[in-house]
C-alpha cells in the first residue's frame, strides 16, 4: 500500500512538472501554433507589398506581439513595414526593430 501511494504521489508530481515545463496548462502548444500562423500572415502581407525588401525582414510573434527585425533601405519603408504588420488580423502590438541602412 505504501509503495502504491508513493508511486501515485511521484506520478502526480512528475505530471505537474511536465505540464509546467511544456506550458500545456497555459495552452502552450496552441499558443505556439497561433504565433506561427500570425508570423506567417505578417510575412505574407509584407511579401505582397511591392518595393519592400520583405525577404530581409525577420518576423517573430509571441502572444499577438509581432517583432520586426533586420535591415531596410529607408525610414519610409520601415514605417510601411510596421503599418502592414499592424493591419494584420490578430496583431496586438508591433515592435519595429528594423534598422535603416542608407
C-alpha atoms as a PDB file:
ATOM      1  CA  UNK A   1       0.000   0.000   0.000  1.00  0.00           C
ATOM      2  CA  UNK A   2       2.820   2.427   0.854  1.00  0.00           C
ATOM      3  CA  UNK A   3       4.519   1.686  -2.455  1.00  0.00           C
ATOM      4  CA  UNK A   4       1.294   2.361  -4.367  1.00  0.00           C
ATOM      5  CA  UNK A   5       0.753   5.633  -2.529  1.00  0.00           C
ATOM      6  CA  UNK A   6       4.363   6.674  -3.086  1.00  0.00           C
ATOM      7  CA  UNK A   7       4.059   5.793  -6.782  1.00  0.00           C
ATOM      8  CA  UNK A   8       0.890   7.907  -7.140  1.00  0.00           C
ATOM      9  CA  UNK A   9       2.474  10.874  -5.378  1.00  0.00           C
ATOM     10  CA  UNK A  10       5.548  10.584  -7.589  1.00  0.00           C
ATOM     11  CA  UNK A  11       3.405  10.236 -10.714  1.00  0.00           C
ATOM     12  CA  UNK A  12       1.338  13.323  -9.916  1.00  0.00           C
ATOM     13  CA  UNK A  13       4.479  15.287  -9.046  1.00  0.00           C
ATOM     14  CA  UNK A  14       6.083  14.423 -12.365  1.00  0.00           C
ATOM     15  CA  UNK A  15       2.880  15.167 -14.223  1.00  0.00           C
ATOM     16  CA  UNK A  16       2.819  18.639 -12.689  1.00  0.00           C
ATOM     17  CA  UNK A  17       6.417  19.243 -13.744  1.00  0.00           C
ATOM     18  CA  UNK A  18       5.765  18.146 -17.295  1.00  0.00           C
ATOM     19  CA  UNK A  19       2.700  20.371 -17.517  1.00  0.00           C
ATOM     20  CA  UNK A  20       4.526  23.439 -16.286  1.00  0.00           C
ATOM     21  CA  UNK A  21       7.577  22.841 -18.477  1.00  0.00           C
ATOM     22  CA  UNK A  22       5.664  22.425 -21.705  1.00  0.00           C
ATOM     23  CA  UNK A  23       3.074  25.031 -20.922  1.00  0.00           C
ATOM     24  CA  UNK A  24       0.208  22.616 -21.556  1.00  0.00           C
ATOM     25  CA  UNK A  25      -1.673  24.168 -18.668  1.00  0.00           C
ATOM     26  CA  UNK A  26      -1.350  27.554 -20.383  1.00  0.00           C
ATOM     27  CA  UNK A  27      -2.251  26.293 -23.868  1.00  0.00           C
ATOM     28  CA  UNK A  28       1.470  26.200 -24.755  1.00  0.00           C
ATOM     29  CA  UNK A  29       1.221  24.164 -27.967  1.00  0.00           C
ATOM     30  CA  UNK A  30      -1.895  26.054 -29.048  1.00  0.00           C
ATOM     31  CA  UNK A  31      -0.227  29.425 -28.460  1.00  0.00           C
ATOM     32  CA  UNK A  32       2.847  28.255 -30.348  1.00  0.00           C
ATOM     33  CA  UNK A  33       0.705  27.336 -33.346  1.00  0.00           C
ATOM     34  CA  UNK A  34      -1.200  30.627 -33.148  1.00  0.00           C
ATOM     35  CA  UNK A  35       2.091  32.535 -33.014  1.00  0.00           C
ATOM     36  CA  UNK A  36       3.409  30.597 -36.022  1.00  0.00           C
ATOM     37  CA  UNK A  37       0.259  31.344 -38.009  1.00  0.00           C
ATOM     38  CA  UNK A  38       0.436  35.029 -37.088  1.00  0.00           C
ATOM     39  CA  UNK A  39       4.097  35.163 -38.136  1.00  0.00           C
ATOM     40  CA  UNK A  40       3.204  33.597 -41.490  1.00  0.00           C
ATOM     41  CA  UNK A  41       0.314  36.032 -42.025  1.00  0.00           C
ATOM     42  CA  UNK A  42       2.544  39.043 -41.329  1.00  0.00           C
ATOM     43  CA  UNK A  43       5.348  37.716 -43.558  1.00  0.00           C
ATOM     44  CA  UNK A  44       2.834  37.098 -46.368  1.00  0.00           C
ATOM     45  CA  UNK A  45       1.444  40.622 -46.045  1.00  0.00           C
ATOM     46  CA  UNK A  46       4.962  42.060 -46.203  1.00  0.00           C
ATOM     47  CA  UNK A  47       5.838  39.971 -49.262  1.00  0.00           C
ATOM     48  CA  UNK A  48       2.764  41.273 -51.101  1.00  0.00           C
ATOM     49  CA  UNK A  49       3.964  44.877 -50.820  1.00  0.00           C
ATOM     50  CA  UNK A  50       5.840  45.925 -53.936  1.00  0.00           C
ATOM     51  CA  UNK A  51       9.092  47.771 -53.430  1.00  0.00           C
ATOM     52  CA  UNK A  52       9.580  46.390 -49.927  1.00  0.00           C
ATOM     53  CA  UNK A  53      12.528  44.053 -49.451  1.00  0.00           C
ATOM     54  CA  UNK A  54      10.444  41.678 -47.318  1.00  0.00           C
ATOM     55  CA  UNK A  55      12.941  38.826 -47.626  1.00  0.00           C
ATOM     56  CA  UNK A  56      15.317  40.905 -45.469  1.00  0.00           C
ATOM     57  CA  UNK A  57      12.707  41.416 -42.726  1.00  0.00           C
ATOM     58  CA  UNK A  58      12.605  38.845 -39.941  1.00  0.00           C
ATOM     59  CA  UNK A  59       9.243  38.366 -38.245  1.00  0.00           C
ATOM     60  CA  UNK A  60       8.683  36.806 -34.822  1.00  0.00           C
ATOM     61  CA  UNK A  61       5.440  36.605 -32.875  1.00  0.00           C
ATOM     62  CA  UNK A  62       4.602  35.904 -29.267  1.00  0.00           C
ATOM     63  CA  UNK A  63       1.073  36.134 -27.879  1.00  0.00           C
ATOM     64  CA  UNK A  64      -0.031  38.625 -30.518  1.00  0.00           C
ATOM     65  CA  UNK A  65       3.066  40.822 -30.276  1.00  0.00           C
ATOM     66  CA  UNK A  66       4.967  40.930 -33.562  1.00  0.00           C
ATOM     67  CA  UNK A  67       8.639  41.865 -33.729  1.00  0.00           C
ATOM     68  CA  UNK A  68      10.170  43.052 -36.978  1.00  0.00           C
ATOM     69  CA  UNK A  69      13.947  42.953 -37.258  1.00  0.00           C
ATOM     70  CA  UNK A  70      16.606  43.140 -39.914  1.00  0.00           C
ATOM     71  CA  UNK A  71      17.849  45.830 -42.263  1.00  0.00           C
ATOM     72  CA  UNK A  72      15.827  48.059 -44.563  1.00  0.00           C
ATOM     73  CA  UNK A  73      16.708  50.790 -47.053  1.00  0.00           C
ATOM     74  CA  UNK A  74      14.655  53.780 -45.822  1.00  0.00           C
ATOM     75  CA  UNK A  75      12.668  55.268 -42.963  1.00  0.00           C
ATOM     76  CA  UNK A  76       9.589  55.260 -45.188  1.00  0.00           C
ATOM     77  CA  UNK A  77       9.849  51.513 -45.780  1.00  0.00           C
ATOM     78  CA  UNK A  78      10.463  50.912 -42.066  1.00  0.00           C
ATOM     79  CA  UNK A  79       7.233  52.712 -41.229  1.00  0.00           C
ATOM     80  CA  UNK A  80       5.420  50.951 -44.071  1.00  0.00           C
ATOM     81  CA  UNK A  81       6.507  47.529 -42.779  1.00  0.00           C
ATOM     82  CA  UNK A  82       5.295  48.425 -39.298  1.00  0.00           C
ATOM     83  CA  UNK A  83       1.957  49.624 -40.620  1.00  0.00           C
ATOM     84  CA  UNK A  84       1.471  46.482 -42.721  1.00  0.00           C
ATOM     85  CA  UNK A  85       2.172  44.324 -39.662  1.00  0.00           C
ATOM     86  CA  UNK A  86      -0.262  46.346 -37.508  1.00  0.00           C
ATOM     87  CA  UNK A  87      -3.036  45.802 -40.036  1.00  0.00           C
ATOM     88  CA  UNK A  88      -2.815  42.003 -39.915  1.00  0.00           C
ATOM     89  CA  UNK A  89      -5.694  40.421 -38.038  1.00  0.00           C
ATOM     90  CA  UNK A  90      -4.574  39.091 -34.661  1.00  0.00           C
ATOM     91  CA  UNK A  91      -1.683  41.517 -34.142  1.00  0.00           C
ATOM     92  CA  UNK A  92      -1.985  43.282 -30.783  1.00  0.00           C
ATOM     93  CA  UNK A  93       1.295  45.197 -30.919  1.00  0.00           C
ATOM     94  CA  UNK A  94       4.259  45.687 -33.250  1.00  0.00           C
ATOM     95  CA  UNK A  95       7.822  46.115 -32.052  1.00  0.00           C
ATOM     96  CA  UNK A  96       9.624  47.583 -35.052  1.00  0.00           C
ATOM     97  CA  UNK A  97      13.337  46.902 -34.617  1.00  0.00           C
ATOM     98  CA  UNK A  98      14.201  47.354 -38.279  1.00  0.00           C
ATOM     99  CA  UNK A  99      17.486  49.173 -38.856  1.00  0.00           C
ATOM    100  CA  UNK A 100      17.666  51.663 -41.717  1.00  0.00           C
ATOM    101  CA  UNK A 101      20.848  51.310 -43.782  1.00  0.00           C
ATOM    102  CA  UNK A 102      21.416  54.195 -46.167  1.00  0.00           C
END
